[in-house]
Amino acid sequence: MAKYSRIEVASQMKENGMVPLFFHSDIELSKKVLKACYDGGSRLMEFTSRGDFAHEVFGALNKYALAELPGMILGVGSITDAASASLYMSLGANFIVTPVFREDIAIACNRRKVLWSPGCGTLTEIARAEELGCEIVKLFPADIYGPEFIKAIKGPCPWTNIMPTGGVYPTKESLSSWLNAGATCVGLGSQLISKDILENKDFDGLTAKVSQVLDIIKEIRK
């Protein structure tokens, strides 16, 4: 069962301004990545379900977060059907992120009052997601649309909260372009938690990088 309500999760997404995305099959390495992001100031992590037995890694990771990292909100991404969403919610997922918009996932998440963030690419999809109770939609792949897409959406729909993912970089230039266009927060995957960081187990470097990104976001929002 989720520890945090969908309103609490949405509020933290807005406050943080950034959601790290990550997957690895090694549980102990995953714990260190999670701890590094936590130490850097992030209170959110999207564990992307992209490998065999990923749910087992997530279950262990969420138990670790609950026991050792107070206030850390762990969710799961790359979910494409309601059955998978239900599986992860039974393991305590606090939010569900999907690359596509599916009403069956919305129903499953709403039934348990868990935040869900569907991948949308048109205003019609965004409007339908909001009609089904979505707090923050995911723009994916964001690099195909660009910041101007968000700016255009916010014109007629200023209440819409959008999280671009894919094509966002941990630089002031990139973050400024998205946030100034109206993004509520951004999703950052391999550009933040890079292959080099994982191979070199540079967890101190990851902590510093996460902290730097959060500082840049605060500066942009002043």
C-alpha atoms as a PDB file:
ATOM      1  CA  MET A   1       0.000   0.000   0.000  1.00  0.00           C
ATOM      2  CA  ALA A   2       1.254   3.487  -0.857  1.00  0.00           C
ATOM      3  CA  LYS A   3       2.473   5.498   2.117  1.00  0.00           C
ATOM      4  CA  TYR A   4       1.924   8.853   0.420  1.00  0.00           C
ATOM      5  CA  SER A   5      -1.331  10.132  -1.064  1.00  0.00           C
ATOM      6  CA  ARG A   6      -1.494  11.327  -4.642  1.00  0.00           C
ATOM      7  CA  ILE A   7      -1.824  14.920  -3.431  1.00  0.00           C
ATOM      8  CA  GLU A   8       1.303  14.555  -1.288  1.00  0.00           C
ATOM      9  CA  VAL A   9       3.201  13.082  -4.249  1.00  0.00           C
ATOM     10  CA  ALA A  10       2.016  15.789  -6.644  1.00  0.00           C
ATOM     11  CA  SER A  11       3.003  18.467  -4.131  1.00  0.00           C
ATOM     12  CA  GLN A  12       6.481  16.982  -3.770  1.00  0.00           C
ATOM     13  CA  MET A  13       6.906  16.777  -7.543  1.00  0.00           C
ATOM     14  CA  LYS A  14       6.048  20.463  -7.805  1.00  0.00           C
ATOM     15  CA  GLU A  15       8.341  21.380  -4.907  1.00  0.00           C
ATOM     16  CA  ASN A  16      11.303  19.262  -6.035  1.00  0.00           C
ATOM     17  CA  GLY A  17      10.967  20.228  -9.681  1.00  0.00           C
ATOM     18  CA  MET A  18      12.801  17.077 -10.748  1.00  0.00           C
ATOM     19  CA  VAL A  19      12.145  13.338 -10.659  1.00  0.00           C
ATOM     20  CA  PRO A  20      15.195  11.049 -11.154  1.00  0.00           C
ATOM     21  CA  LEU A  21      14.527   7.945 -13.279  1.00  0.00           C
ATOM     22  CA  PHE A  22      16.547   4.801 -12.801  1.00  0.00           C
ATOM     23  CA  PHE A  23      16.681   1.036 -13.324  1.00  0.00           C
ATOM     24  CA  HIS A  24      19.245  -1.565 -12.436  1.00  0.00           C
ATOM     25  CA  SER A  25      18.870  -5.269 -11.694  1.00  0.00           C
ATOM     26  CA  ASP A  26      21.376  -5.186  -8.826  1.00  0.00           C
ATOM     27  CA  ILE A  27      19.534  -4.487  -5.565  1.00  0.00           C
ATOM     28  CA  GLU A  28      22.544  -3.307  -3.566  1.00  0.00           C
ATOM     29  CA  LEU A  29      23.714  -0.958  -6.309  1.00  0.00           C
ATOM     30  CA  SER A  30      20.154   0.364  -6.626  1.00  0.00           C
ATOM     31  CA  LYS A  31      20.080   1.118  -2.908  1.00  0.00           C
ATOM     32  CA  LYS A  32      23.276   3.141  -3.215  1.00  0.00           C
ATOM     33  CA  VAL A  33      21.879   5.102  -6.158  1.00  0.00           C
ATOM     34  CA  LEU A  34      18.700   5.820  -4.212  1.00  0.00           C
ATOM     35  CA  LYS A  35      20.700   6.904  -1.155  1.00  0.00           C
ATOM     36  CA  ALA A  36      22.919   9.161  -3.288  1.00  0.00           C
ATOM     37  CA  CYS A  37      19.864  10.911  -4.766  1.00  0.00           C
ATOM     38  CA  TYR A  38      18.374  11.229  -1.279  1.00  0.00           C
ATOM     39  CA  ASP A  39      21.586  12.704   0.105  1.00  0.00           C
ATOM     40  CA  GLY A  40      21.600  15.153  -2.795  1.00  0.00           C
ATOM     41  CA  GLY A  41      18.197  16.444  -1.702  1.00  0.00           C
ATOM     42  CA  SER A  42      15.779  14.541  -3.927  1.00  0.00           C
ATOM     43  CA  ARG A  43      12.729  13.137  -2.194  1.00  0.00           C
ATOM     44  CA  LEU A  44      11.441  11.350  -5.283  1.00  0.00           C
ATOM     45  CA  MET A  45      12.630   8.457  -7.415  1.00  0.00           C
ATOM     46  CA  GLU A  46      10.969   6.753 -10.373  1.00  0.00           C
ATOM     47  CA  PHE A  47      12.161   3.151 -10.658  1.00  0.00           C
ATOM     48  CA  THR A  48      11.642   2.225 -14.298  1.00  0.00           C
ATOM     49  CA  SER A  49      10.306  -1.305 -14.728  1.00  0.00           C
ATOM     50  CA  ARG A  50      12.437  -2.435 -17.648  1.00  0.00           C
ATOM     51  CA  GLY A  51      14.015  -5.770 -16.762  1.00  0.00           C
ATOM     52  CA  ASP A  52      13.194  -9.316 -15.725  1.00  0.00           C
ATOM     53  CA  PHE A  53      12.143  -9.575 -12.066  1.00  0.00           C
ATOM     54  CA  ALA A  54      12.145  -5.777 -11.812  1.00  0.00           C
ATOM     55  CA  HIS A  55       9.287  -5.963  -9.320  1.00  0.00           C
ATOM     56  CA  GLU A  56      11.507  -7.936  -6.944  1.00  0.00           C
ATOM     57  CA  VAL A  57      14.162  -5.211  -7.067  1.00  0.00           C
ATOM     58  CA  PHE A  58      11.517  -2.556  -6.508  1.00  0.00           C
ATOM     59  CA  GLY A  59      10.068  -4.385  -3.513  1.00  0.00           C
ATOM     60  CA  ALA A  60      13.477  -4.576  -1.843  1.00  0.00           C
ATOM     61  CA  LEU A  61      14.229  -0.963  -2.730  1.00  0.00           C
ATOM     62  CA  ASN A  62      10.959   0.313  -1.313  1.00  0.00           C
ATOM     63  CA  LYS A  63      11.474  -1.590   1.943  1.00  0.00           C
ATOM     64  CA  TYR A  64      14.905   0.018   2.189  1.00  0.00           C
ATOM     65  CA  ALA A  65      13.470   3.479   1.535  1.00  0.00           C
ATOM     66  CA  LEU A  66      10.776   3.046   4.169  1.00  0.00           C
ATOM     67  CA  ALA A  67      13.271   1.839   6.756  1.00  0.00           C
ATOM     68  CA  GLU A  68      16.284   4.053   6.067  1.00  0.00           C
ATOM     69  CA  LEU A  69      15.259   7.130   4.051  1.00  0.00           C
ATOM     70  CA  PRO A  70      12.495   9.086   5.797  1.00  0.00           C
ATOM     71  CA  GLY A  71      10.390  11.121   3.407  1.00  0.00           C
ATOM     72  CA  MET A  72      11.655   9.375   0.266  1.00  0.00           C
ATOM     73  CA  ILE A  73       8.794   8.782  -2.179  1.00  0.00           C
ATOM     74  CA  LEU A  74       9.435   5.821  -4.459  1.00  0.00           C
ATOM     75  CA  GLY A  75       7.306   5.201  -7.535  1.00  0.00           C
ATOM     76  CA  VAL A  76       7.562   3.123 -10.680  1.00  0.00           C
ATOM     77  CA  GLY A  77       7.684   3.980 -14.380  1.00  0.00           C
ATOM     78  CA  SER A  78       7.427   2.270 -17.780  1.00  0.00           C
ATOM     79  CA  ILE A  79       4.109   0.672 -16.800  1.00  0.00           C
ATOM     80  CA  THR A  80       1.928  -0.253 -19.763  1.00  0.00           C
ATOM     81  CA  ASP A  81      -1.030  -2.173 -18.296  1.00  0.00           C
ATOM     82  CA  ALA A  82      -3.287  -2.204 -15.237  1.00  0.00           C
ATOM     83  CA  ALA A  83      -2.048  -5.587 -14.015  1.00  0.00           C
ATOM     84  CA  SER A  84       1.522  -4.311 -13.748  1.00  0.00           C
ATOM     85  CA  ALA A  85       0.315  -1.153 -12.010  1.00  0.00           C
ATOM     86  CA  SER A  86      -1.605  -3.246  -9.479  1.00  0.00           C
ATOM     87  CA  LEU A  87       1.433  -5.462  -8.876  1.00  0.00           C
ATOM     88  CA  TYR A  88       3.638  -2.493  -8.064  1.00  0.00           C
ATOM     89  CA  MET A  89       0.987  -0.830  -5.936  1.00  0.00           C
ATOM     90  CA  SER A  90       0.805  -4.021  -3.880  1.00  0.00           C
ATOM     91  CA  LEU A  91       4.553  -3.526  -3.302  1.00  0.00           C
ATOM     92  CA  GLY A  92       3.940  -0.002  -2.045  1.00  0.00           C
ATOM     93  CA  ALA A  93       4.503   2.110  -5.160  1.00  0.00           C
ATOM     94  CA  ASN A  94       3.551   5.700  -4.340  1.00  0.00           C
ATOM     95  CA  PHE A  95       3.044   6.732  -7.951  1.00  0.00           C
ATOM     96  CA  ILE A  96       2.749   5.109 -11.369  1.00  0.00           C
ATOM     97  CA  VAL A  97       4.237   6.633 -14.525  1.00  0.00           C
ATOM     98  CA  THR A  98       3.398   5.314 -17.974  1.00  0.00           C
ATOM     99  CA  PRO A  99       4.790   5.988 -21.469  1.00  0.00           C
ATOM    100  CA  VAL A 100       1.247   5.810 -22.865  1.00  0.00           C
ATOM    101  CA  PHE A 101      -2.250   6.943 -21.898  1.00  0.00           C
ATOM    102  CA  ARG A 102      -4.461   4.033 -20.809  1.00  0.00           C
ATOM    103  CA  GLU A 103      -7.767   4.319 -19.008  1.00  0.00           C
ATOM    104  CA  ASP A 104      -7.420   0.891 -17.357  1.00  0.00           C
ATOM    105  CA  ILE A 105      -4.310   2.125 -15.515  1.00  0.00           C
ATOM    106  CA  ALA A 106      -6.165   5.283 -14.479  1.00  0.00           C
ATOM    107  CA  ILE A 107      -8.989   3.217 -12.999  1.00  0.00           C
ATOM    108  CA  ALA A 108      -6.617   0.875 -11.136  1.00  0.00           C
ATOM    109  CA  CYS A 109      -4.656   3.782  -9.636  1.00  0.00           C
ATOM    110  CA  ASN A 110      -7.692   5.909  -8.813  1.00  0.00           C
ATOM    111  CA  ARG A 111      -9.248   2.970  -6.999  1.00  0.00           C
ATOM    112  CA  ARG A 112      -6.318   3.076  -4.566  1.00  0.00           C
ATOM    113  CA  LYS A 113      -5.894   6.860  -4.731  1.00  0.00           C
ATOM    114  CA  VAL A 114      -2.365   6.519  -6.089  1.00  0.00           C
ATOM    115  CA  LEU A 115      -0.971   9.250  -8.355  1.00  0.00           C
ATOM    116  CA  TRP A 116      -0.598   8.208 -11.989  1.00  0.00           C
ATOM    117  CA  SER A 117       1.205  10.196 -14.654  1.00  0.00           C
ATOM    118  CA  PRO A 118       0.420   9.051 -18.204  1.00  0.00           C
ATOM    119  CA  GLY A 119       2.528   9.767 -21.248  1.00  0.00           C
ATOM    120  CA  CYS A 120       0.534  12.159 -23.453  1.00  0.00           C
ATOM    121  CA  GLY A 121       1.355  13.769 -26.777  1.00  0.00           C
ATOM    122  CA  THR A 122      -1.768  15.756 -27.694  1.00  0.00           C
ATOM    123  CA  LEU A 123      -4.029  18.234 -25.953  1.00  0.00           C
ATOM    124  CA  THR A 124      -6.901  15.780 -26.397  1.00  0.00           C
ATOM    125  CA  GLU A 125      -4.975  13.067 -24.504  1.00  0.00           C
ATOM    126  CA  ILE A 126      -4.019  15.562 -21.797  1.00  0.00           C
ATOM    127  CA  ALA A 127      -7.627  16.734 -21.392  1.00  0.00           C
ATOM    128  CA  ARG A 128      -8.906  13.148 -21.190  1.00  0.00           C
ATOM    129  CA  ALA A 129      -6.255  12.264 -18.598  1.00  0.00           C
ATOM    130  CA  GLU A 130      -7.302  15.249 -16.498  1.00  0.00           C
ATOM    131  CA  GLU A 131     -10.949  14.242 -16.798  1.00  0.00           C
ATOM    132  CA  LEU A 132      -9.893  10.909 -15.302  1.00  0.00           C
ATOM    133  CA  GLY A 133      -8.237  12.647 -12.350  1.00  0.00           C
ATOM    134  CA  CYS A 134      -4.631  13.017 -13.489  1.00  0.00           C
ATOM    135  CA  GLU A 135      -2.687  15.610 -11.470  1.00  0.00           C
ATOM    136  CA  ILE A 136       0.510  15.735 -13.567  1.00  0.00           C
ATOM    137  CA  VAL A 137       0.786  14.463 -17.133  1.00  0.00           C
ATOM    138  CA  LYS A 138       4.029  13.206 -18.614  1.00  0.00           C
ATOM    139  CA  LEU A 139       5.164  14.679 -21.930  1.00  0.00           C
ATOM    140  CA  PHE A 140       7.028  11.869 -23.659  1.00  0.00           C
ATOM    141  CA  PRO A 141       9.250  11.802 -25.566  1.00  0.00           C
ATOM    142  CA  ALA A 142       9.738  15.453 -24.698  1.00  0.00           C
ATOM    143  CA  ASP A 143      12.559  16.117 -27.172  1.00  0.00           C
ATOM    144  CA  ILE A 144      10.149  15.447 -30.049  1.00  0.00           C
ATOM    145  CA  TYR A 145       7.807  18.212 -28.853  1.00  0.00           C
ATOM    146  CA  GLY A 146      10.130  20.753 -27.232  1.00  0.00           C
ATOM    147  CA  PRO A 147       9.416  23.453 -24.638  1.00  0.00           C
ATOM    148  CA  GLU A 148       7.237  25.431 -27.076  1.00  0.00           C
ATOM    149  CA  PHE A 149       4.667  22.614 -26.944  1.00  0.00           C
ATOM    150  CA  ILE A 150       4.224  23.130 -23.208  1.00  0.00           C
ATOM    151  CA  LYS A 151       3.982  26.885 -23.644  1.00  0.00           C
ATOM    152  CA  ALA A 152       1.260  26.370 -26.259  1.00  0.00           C
ATOM    153  CA  ILE A 153      -0.692  23.987 -24.001  1.00  0.00           C
ATOM    154  CA  LYS A 154      -0.511  26.319 -21.009  1.00  0.00           C
ATOM    155  CA  GLY A 155      -2.134  29.090 -23.069  1.00  0.00           C
ATOM    156  CA  PRO A 156      -5.661  27.632 -23.220  1.00  0.00           C
ATOM    157  CA  CYS A 157      -5.117  25.291 -20.240  1.00  0.00           C
ATOM    158  CA  PRO A 158      -3.113  27.146 -17.557  1.00  0.00           C
ATOM    159  CA  TRP A 159      -4.213  24.620 -14.923  1.00  0.00           C
ATOM    160  CA  THR A 160      -2.416  21.751 -16.661  1.00  0.00           C
ATOM    161  CA  ASN A 161       0.674  20.331 -14.918  1.00  0.00           C
ATOM    162  CA  ILE A 162       3.241  18.782 -17.268  1.00  0.00           C
ATOM    163  CA  MET A 163       6.388  16.741 -16.598  1.00  0.00           C
ATOM    164  CA  PRO A 164       8.610  16.519 -19.709  1.00  0.00           C
ATOM    165  CA  THR A 165      10.754  13.379 -19.828  1.00  0.00           C
ATOM    166  CA  GLY A 166      13.245  12.370 -22.497  1.00  0.00           C
ATOM    167  CA  GLY A 167      15.390  15.124 -23.928  1.00  0.00           C
ATOM    168  CA  VAL A 168      15.825  17.054 -20.677  1.00  0.00           C
ATOM    169  CA  TYR A 169      19.426  17.707 -19.608  1.00  0.00           C
ATOM    170  CA  PRO A 170      20.804  18.614 -16.148  1.00  0.00           C
ATOM    171  CA  THR A 171      22.063  21.991 -17.324  1.00  0.00           C
ATOM    172  CA  LYS A 172      20.832  25.500 -16.587  1.00  0.00           C
ATOM    173  CA  GLU A 173      20.115  26.095 -20.260  1.00  0.00           C
ATOM    174  CA  SER A 174      17.983  22.971 -20.686  1.00  0.00           C
ATOM    175  CA  LEU A 175      16.182  23.245 -17.341  1.00  0.00           C
ATOM    176  CA  SER A 176      15.450  26.935 -17.941  1.00  0.00           C
ATOM    177  CA  SER A 177      13.924  26.233 -21.340  1.00  0.00           C
ATOM    178  CA  TRP A 178      11.476  23.691 -19.907  1.00  0.00           C
ATOM    179  CA  LEU A 179      10.614  25.366 -16.620  1.00  0.00           C
ATOM    180  CA  ASN A 180      10.232  28.822 -18.129  1.00  0.00           C
ATOM    181  CA  ALA A 181       7.899  27.316 -20.736  1.00  0.00           C
ATOM    182  CA  GLY A 182       5.627  26.181 -17.903  1.00  0.00           C
ATOM    183  CA  ALA A 183       6.759  22.671 -16.949  1.00  0.00           C
ATOM    184  CA  THR A 184       5.775  21.729 -13.397  1.00  0.00           C
ATOM    185  CA  CYS A 185       8.767  19.431 -13.018  1.00  0.00           C
ATOM    186  CA  VAL A 186      11.104  17.400 -15.232  1.00  0.00           C
ATOM    187  CA  GLY A 187      12.061  13.747 -15.443  1.00  0.00           C
ATOM    188  CA  LEU A 188      15.791  13.016 -15.656  1.00  0.00           C
ATOM    189  CA  GLY A 189      17.157   9.561 -16.427  1.00  0.00           C
ATOM    190  CA  SER A 190      20.508   8.639 -17.945  1.00  0.00           C
ATOM    191  CA  GLN A 191      21.487  12.288 -18.303  1.00  0.00           C
ATOM    192  CA  LEU A 192      21.508  12.443 -14.499  1.00  0.00           C
ATOM    193  CA  ILE A 193      22.300   8.872 -13.446  1.00  0.00           C
ATOM    194  CA  SER A 194      24.762   8.150 -16.215  1.00  0.00           C
ATOM    195  CA  LYS A 195      26.373   4.913 -17.324  1.00  0.00           C
ATOM    196  CA  ASP A 196      29.753   6.263 -16.172  1.00  0.00           C
ATOM    197  CA  ILE A 197      28.428   6.957 -12.675  1.00  0.00           C
ATOM    198  CA  LEU A 198      27.103   3.410 -12.425  1.00  0.00           C
ATOM    199  CA  GLU A 199      30.207   1.747 -13.857  1.00  0.00           C
ATOM    200  CA  ASN A 200      32.538   3.753 -11.609  1.00  0.00           C
ATOM    201  CA  LYS A 201      30.161   3.587  -8.650  1.00  0.00           C
ATOM    202  CA  ASP A 202      30.628   7.315  -8.236  1.00  0.00           C
ATOM    203  CA  PHE A 203      27.842   7.792  -5.722  1.00  0.00           C
ATOM    204  CA  ASP A 204      29.405  10.910  -4.208  1.00  0.00           C
ATOM    205  CA  GLY A 205      29.481  12.404  -7.694  1.00  0.00           C
ATOM    206  CA  LEU A 206      25.807  11.536  -8.153  1.00  0.00           C
ATOM    207  CA  THR A 207      24.922  13.182  -4.844  1.00  0.00           C
ATOM    208  CA  ALA A 208      26.714  16.348  -5.936  1.00  0.00           C
ATOM    209  CA  LYS A 209      25.009  16.280  -9.348  1.00  0.00           C
ATOM    210  CA  VAL A 210      21.529  15.892  -7.868  1.00  0.00           C
ATOM    211  CA  SER A 211      22.195  18.732  -5.437  1.00  0.00           C
ATOM    212  CA  GLN A 212      23.437  20.919  -8.277  1.00  0.00           C
ATOM    213  CA  VAL A 213      20.329  20.272 -10.393  1.00  0.00           C
ATOM    214  CA  LEU A 214      18.012  21.096  -7.497  1.00  0.00           C
ATOM    215  CA  ASP A 215      19.942  24.316  -6.855  1.00  0.00           C
ATOM    216  CA  ILE A 216      19.639  25.286 -10.528  1.00  0.00           C
ATOM    217  CA  ILE A 217      15.875  24.679 -10.390  1.00  0.00           C
ATOM    218  CA  LYS A 218      15.547  26.876  -7.297  1.00  0.00           C
ATOM    219  CA  GLU A 219      17.530  29.622  -9.015  1.00  0.00           C
ATOM    220  CA  ILE A 220      15.370  29.457 -12.144  1.00  0.00           C
ATOM    221  CA  ARG A 221      12.198  29.684 -10.081  1.00  0.00           C
ATOM    222  CA  LYS A 222      13.243  32.826  -8.165  1.00  0.00           C
END
